[in-house]
Amino acid sequence: MVGLKPPEVPPTAAMKFISAGMAGCIADLFTFPLDTAKVRLQIQGEVRIPRTISSVEYRGVLGTLTTMVRTEGARSLYSGLAAGLQRQMSFASIRIGLYDSVKQLYTPKGTENAGMAVRLLAGCTTGAVAVACAQPTDVVKVRFQASGALTDSARRYSSTMDAYCTIAREEGFRGLWRGTLPNIARNAIINCGELVTYDLLKEALLRAQLMTDNIPCHFVAAFGAGFCATVVASPVDVVKTRYMNASPGQDRNALSCLLALLMQDGPAGLYK
């Protein structure tokens, strides 16, 4: 009949996986240069002990982006993009696509709304599973981002597929999952920090009647939550990046990478 709306069809698990992966890829296309700048800053000076002022090549986010474009060309901002998109298709799909199902699994029977503890547990679970599945793509992405400043002859890998094969051949399959534990810890910290901080900020804004429960309020709360979560997770993120980019035998484990970073740069190095 005219005027009747068709019934809404709830999204299936496959639809959630596909939409989450596509959304992650679109976001990566816009933010990848910032991620590359972050990686360059995090690994800067890692082979120079002690670090000297003259060895600093990048200064700040904008300075890093400008230096990369000037010395390597604009394409360097997207070095490792293929691995980055592969990571989003696997990581985002699993982390977001499985979230509702895992949350329902953890929710006690007879309870309509999941509590904060259930949401945190579900987020950490799906995040850990997603990291475990997508870790090889993250390792390759970081190594391409880090090696962009090298000449073609000095680069370790000629392509994304060559990187997967070379790492597996030279470092074993364990090399493809290098830095998994720091990555899981980072993801858990971000998930917990974002969810808790988001709820607290939104409640504070509504309680103080500074904003109403609408999109601008959600945006401000999400912005603050992302900022706080990044500050808390930054030390783990720096160690994760350095450990994944390390050559075979350079660091025995993530703890030795952390100690080397502290000896070289001090506590401030955790926030590179």
Protein backbone atom coordinates (compact mmCIF):
# COMPACT_ATOMS: atom_id res chain seq x y z
CA MET A 1 0.00 0.00 0.00
CA VAL A 2 1.09 3.57 -0.68
CA GLY A 3 2.62 5.31 2.31
CA LEU A 4 3.59 2.15 4.17
CA LYS A 5 7.26 1.76 4.97
CA PRO A 6 8.91 -1.59 4.35
CA PRO A 7 9.83 -3.43 7.54
CA GLU A 8 13.34 -2.75 8.80
CA VAL A 9 15.65 -5.70 8.39
CA PRO A 10 18.18 -6.04 11.23
CA PRO A 11 21.76 -6.16 10.00
CA THR A 12 23.25 -9.62 9.76
CA ALA A 13 26.70 -10.53 11.03
CA ALA A 14 28.05 -10.48 7.46
CA MET A 15 26.64 -6.98 6.90
CA LYS A 16 28.30 -5.79 10.12
CA PHE A 17 31.64 -7.27 9.07
CA ILE A 18 31.54 -5.69 5.62
CA SER A 19 30.34 -2.26 6.77
CA ALA A 20 32.89 -2.13 9.60
CA GLY A 21 35.71 -3.06 7.25
CA MET A 22 34.68 -0.52 4.61
CA ALA A 23 34.27 2.21 7.22
CA GLY A 24 37.74 1.42 8.57
CA CYS A 25 39.27 1.60 5.10
CA ILE A 26 37.63 4.95 4.33
CA ALA A 27 38.84 6.37 7.63
CA ASP A 28 42.35 5.02 6.96
CA LEU A 29 42.53 6.82 3.62
CA PHE A 30 42.07 10.16 5.40
CA THR A 31 44.17 9.52 8.51
CA PHE A 32 47.03 7.41 7.09
CA PRO A 33 49.46 10.35 6.68
CA LEU A 34 49.01 11.19 10.37
CA ASP A 35 49.61 7.55 11.29
CA THR A 36 52.77 7.49 9.19
CA ALA A 37 54.01 10.67 10.89
CA LYS A 38 53.29 9.08 14.27
CA VAL A 39 55.33 5.98 13.38
CA ARG A 40 58.26 8.09 12.13
CA LEU A 41 58.31 10.10 15.35
CA GLN A 42 58.03 6.99 17.52
CA ILE A 43 60.97 5.19 15.92
CA GLN A 44 63.14 8.27 15.50
CA GLY A 45 66.60 7.78 16.96
CA GLU A 46 66.00 4.17 17.97
CA VAL A 47 69.39 3.04 16.61
CA ARG A 48 71.32 6.04 17.90
CA ILE A 49 72.42 5.65 21.51
CA PRO A 50 72.82 8.16 22.98
CA ARG A 51 70.50 10.33 20.91
CA THR A 52 71.87 13.72 19.91
CA ILE A 53 70.09 16.86 18.80
CA SER A 54 71.67 16.64 15.36
CA SER A 55 70.17 13.19 14.82
CA VAL A 56 66.60 14.46 15.13
CA GLU A 57 65.11 14.55 11.63
CA TYR A 58 61.46 15.13 12.41
CA ARG A 59 60.00 17.79 14.70
CA GLY A 60 56.29 17.73 15.44
CA VAL A 61 53.46 16.38 13.34
CA LEU A 62 53.35 19.16 10.76
CA GLY A 63 57.14 19.28 10.61
CA THR A 64 57.28 15.54 9.99
CA LEU A 65 54.70 15.69 7.21
CA THR A 66 56.44 18.66 5.59
CA THR A 67 59.86 16.99 5.78
CA MET A 68 58.54 13.78 4.28
CA VAL A 69 56.91 15.56 1.36
CA ARG A 70 60.02 17.67 0.73
CA THR A 71 62.57 14.84 0.92
CA GLU A 72 60.59 11.80 -0.24
CA GLY A 73 57.61 13.14 -2.16
CA ALA A 74 53.93 13.12 -1.33
CA ARG A 75 53.62 9.37 -1.99
CA SER A 76 55.70 8.69 1.14
CA LEU A 77 52.72 9.77 3.25
CA TYR A 78 50.92 6.63 2.08
CA SER A 79 53.80 4.15 2.28
CA GLY A 80 52.32 0.88 3.52
CA LEU A 81 48.75 1.85 2.64
CA ALA A 82 48.00 -1.57 1.11
CA ALA A 83 48.89 -3.31 4.38
CA GLY A 84 46.96 -0.64 6.26
CA LEU A 85 43.80 -1.32 4.26
CA GLN A 86 44.29 -5.06 4.73
CA ARG A 87 44.58 -4.43 8.46
CA GLN A 88 41.36 -2.43 8.53
CA MET A 89 39.45 -5.08 6.57
CA SER A 90 40.47 -7.71 9.13
CA PHE A 91 40.86 -5.75 12.37
CA ALA A 92 37.86 -3.42 12.14
CA SER A 93 35.61 -6.13 10.73
CA ILE A 94 36.32 -8.49 13.64
CA ARG A 95 36.46 -5.89 16.42
CA ILE A 96 33.21 -4.18 15.47
CA GLY A 97 31.42 -7.00 13.68
CA LEU A 98 31.70 -9.40 16.61
CA TYR A 99 31.08 -6.83 19.35
CA ASP A 100 27.29 -7.19 19.61
CA SER A 101 27.43 -10.98 19.52
CA VAL A 102 30.11 -11.15 22.21
CA LYS A 103 28.29 -8.58 24.32
CA GLN A 104 25.12 -10.70 24.20
CA LEU A 105 27.20 -13.74 25.14
CA TYR A 106 28.50 -12.00 28.26
CA THR A 107 25.15 -10.44 29.23
CA PRO A 108 23.39 -12.45 31.97
CA LYS A 109 20.09 -14.03 30.93
CA GLY A 110 17.08 -11.92 31.75
CA THR A 111 19.05 -8.66 31.57
CA GLU A 112 17.92 -6.26 28.87
CA ASN A 113 20.80 -3.76 28.89
CA ALA A 114 24.46 -4.69 29.16
CA GLY A 115 26.33 -2.99 32.00
CA MET A 116 29.64 -1.17 31.74
CA ALA A 117 31.62 -4.22 32.87
CA VAL A 118 30.05 -6.37 30.14
CA ARG A 119 30.78 -3.73 27.50
CA LEU A 120 34.40 -3.44 28.59
CA LEU A 121 34.85 -7.20 28.63
CA ALA A 122 33.24 -7.55 25.19
CA GLY A 123 35.37 -4.74 23.76
CA CYS A 124 38.59 -6.21 25.15
CA THR A 125 37.67 -9.69 23.90
CA THR A 126 36.85 -8.66 20.34
CA GLY A 127 39.86 -6.34 20.31
CA ALA A 128 42.21 -9.15 21.37
CA VAL A 129 40.78 -11.53 18.74
CA ALA A 130 41.04 -8.82 16.07
CA VAL A 131 44.66 -8.03 16.98
CA ALA A 132 45.62 -11.72 16.92
CA CYS A 133 44.13 -12.11 13.42
CA ALA A 134 45.35 -8.82 11.95
CA GLN A 135 48.82 -8.65 13.54
CA PRO A 136 50.77 -9.63 10.37
CA THR A 137 49.19 -6.76 8.45
CA ASP A 138 50.08 -4.35 11.26
CA VAL A 139 53.71 -5.51 11.32
CA VAL A 140 54.07 -5.02 7.57
CA LYS A 141 52.31 -1.64 7.68
CA VAL A 142 54.63 -0.31 10.40
CA ARG A 143 57.75 -1.54 8.64
CA PHE A 144 56.76 0.12 5.38
CA GLN A 145 55.95 3.36 7.18
CA ALA A 146 59.28 3.25 8.99
CA SER A 147 61.39 2.42 5.95
CA GLY A 148 60.00 5.09 3.65
CA ALA A 149 63.02 7.30 4.24
CA LEU A 150 65.43 4.65 2.93
CA THR A 151 66.62 4.36 -0.65
CA ASP A 152 65.12 1.67 -2.87
CA SER A 153 68.27 -0.46 -2.55
CA ALA A 154 68.24 -0.22 1.26
CA ARG A 155 64.59 -1.09 1.76
CA ARG A 156 63.89 -4.51 3.19
CA TYR A 157 60.81 -5.27 1.08
CA SER A 158 59.79 -4.51 -2.49
CA SER A 159 56.05 -5.01 -2.02
CA THR A 160 53.45 -5.98 0.56
CA MET A 161 53.40 -9.64 -0.45
CA ASP A 162 57.21 -9.70 -0.51
CA ALA A 163 57.17 -8.36 3.05
CA TYR A 164 54.90 -11.18 4.27
CA CYS A 165 57.05 -13.82 2.55
CA THR A 166 60.38 -12.32 3.62
CA ILE A 167 59.38 -11.94 7.26
CA ALA A 168 58.05 -15.51 7.38
CA ARG A 169 61.22 -16.84 5.71
CA GLU A 170 63.80 -14.85 7.72
CA GLU A 171 62.06 -14.58 11.09
CA GLY A 172 59.64 -17.49 10.99
CA PHE A 173 55.90 -17.22 11.24
CA ARG A 174 56.38 -15.83 14.76
CA GLY A 175 57.90 -12.77 13.14
CA LEU A 176 54.55 -11.95 11.53
CA TRP A 177 53.01 -11.86 15.00
CA ARG A 178 55.83 -9.82 16.53
CA GLY A 179 54.50 -7.39 19.15
CA THR A 180 51.13 -9.09 19.55
CA LEU A 181 51.02 -8.79 23.36
CA PRO A 182 51.85 -5.04 23.43
CA ASN A 183 49.30 -4.53 20.66
CA ILE A 184 46.61 -6.39 22.64
CA ALA A 185 47.48 -4.37 25.75
CA ARG A 186 47.29 -1.13 23.78
CA ASN A 187 43.93 -2.10 22.30
CA ALA A 188 42.52 -3.07 25.69
CA ILE A 189 43.64 0.23 27.25
CA ILE A 190 42.12 2.25 24.40
CA ASN A 191 38.84 0.31 24.46
CA CYS A 192 38.45 0.65 28.22
CA GLY A 193 39.61 4.26 28.27
CA GLU A 194 37.35 5.34 25.43
CA LEU A 195 34.20 3.63 26.69
CA VAL A 196 34.53 4.77 30.31
CA THR A 197 35.68 8.30 29.49
CA TYR A 198 32.98 8.72 26.84
CA ASP A 199 30.22 7.83 29.29
CA LEU A 200 31.67 10.02 32.05
CA LEU A 201 32.12 13.05 29.77
CA LYS A 202 28.65 12.75 28.25
CA GLU A 203 27.02 12.40 31.66
CA ALA A 204 28.96 15.41 32.96
CA LEU A 205 27.88 17.55 30.00
CA LEU A 206 24.25 16.56 30.42
CA ARG A 207 24.31 16.94 34.20
CA ALA A 208 25.76 20.45 33.95
CA GLN A 209 23.21 21.23 31.22
CA LEU A 210 25.99 22.47 28.95
CA MET A 211 24.63 20.41 26.06
CA THR A 212 21.63 18.28 25.20
CA ASP A 213 21.76 14.61 24.21
CA ASN A 214 22.41 15.14 20.50
CA ILE A 215 25.13 14.71 17.89
CA PRO A 216 27.30 17.69 19.04
CA CYS A 217 27.26 16.28 22.58
CA HIS A 218 28.28 12.84 21.32
CA PHE A 219 31.05 14.42 19.21
CA VAL A 220 32.51 16.38 22.14
CA ALA A 221 32.37 13.34 24.42
CA ALA A 222 33.96 11.12 21.75
CA PHE A 223 36.69 13.70 21.07
CA GLY A 224 37.55 13.91 24.75
CA ALA A 225 37.42 10.14 25.15
CA GLY A 226 39.75 9.60 22.20
CA PHE A 227 42.20 12.18 23.53
CA CYS A 228 42.30 10.66 27.03
CA ALA A 229 42.61 7.11 25.71
CA THR A 230 45.49 8.09 23.43
CA VAL A 231 47.37 9.78 26.27
CA VAL A 232 46.99 6.70 28.46
CA ALA A 233 47.89 4.20 25.71
CA SER A 234 50.75 6.16 24.13
CA PRO A 235 53.58 4.45 26.08
CA VAL A 236 52.38 1.00 25.03
CA ASP A 237 51.90 2.23 21.46
CA VAL A 238 55.49 3.50 21.24
CA VAL A 239 56.90 0.21 22.53
CA LYS A 240 54.62 -1.74 20.17
CA THR A 241 55.78 0.25 17.14
CA ARG A 242 59.48 -0.03 17.98
CA TYR A 243 59.29 -3.71 18.77
CA MET A 244 57.43 -4.54 15.55
CA ASN A 245 59.95 -2.53 13.52
CA ALA A 246 63.03 -4.02 15.24
CA SER A 247 65.41 -6.20 13.26
CA PRO A 248 65.75 -9.88 14.23
CA GLY A 249 67.83 -10.15 17.41
CA GLN A 250 67.63 -6.43 18.19
CA ASP A 251 65.20 -6.89 21.10
CA ARG A 252 64.59 -10.15 22.95
CA ASN A 253 61.08 -9.14 23.91
CA ALA A 254 58.85 -6.13 24.44
CA LEU A 255 60.24 -5.56 27.95
CA SER A 256 63.82 -5.28 26.67
CA CYS A 257 62.55 -2.85 24.01
CA LEU A 258 60.94 -0.78 26.76
CA LEU A 259 64.10 -0.74 28.87
CA ALA A 260 66.22 0.27 25.86
CA LEU A 261 63.80 3.10 25.13
CA LEU A 262 63.93 4.35 28.72
CA MET A 263 67.74 4.22 28.79
CA GLN A 264 67.95 6.10 25.51
CA ASP A 265 65.24 8.73 25.81
CA GLY A 266 64.02 8.57 29.40
CA PRO A 267 60.33 8.64 30.39
CA ALA A 268 59.67 11.35 27.78
CA GLY A 269 60.43 8.77 25.07
CA LEU A 270 57.22 6.97 25.96
CA TYR A 271 55.29 9.90 24.48
CA LYS A 272 57.20 10.31 21.23
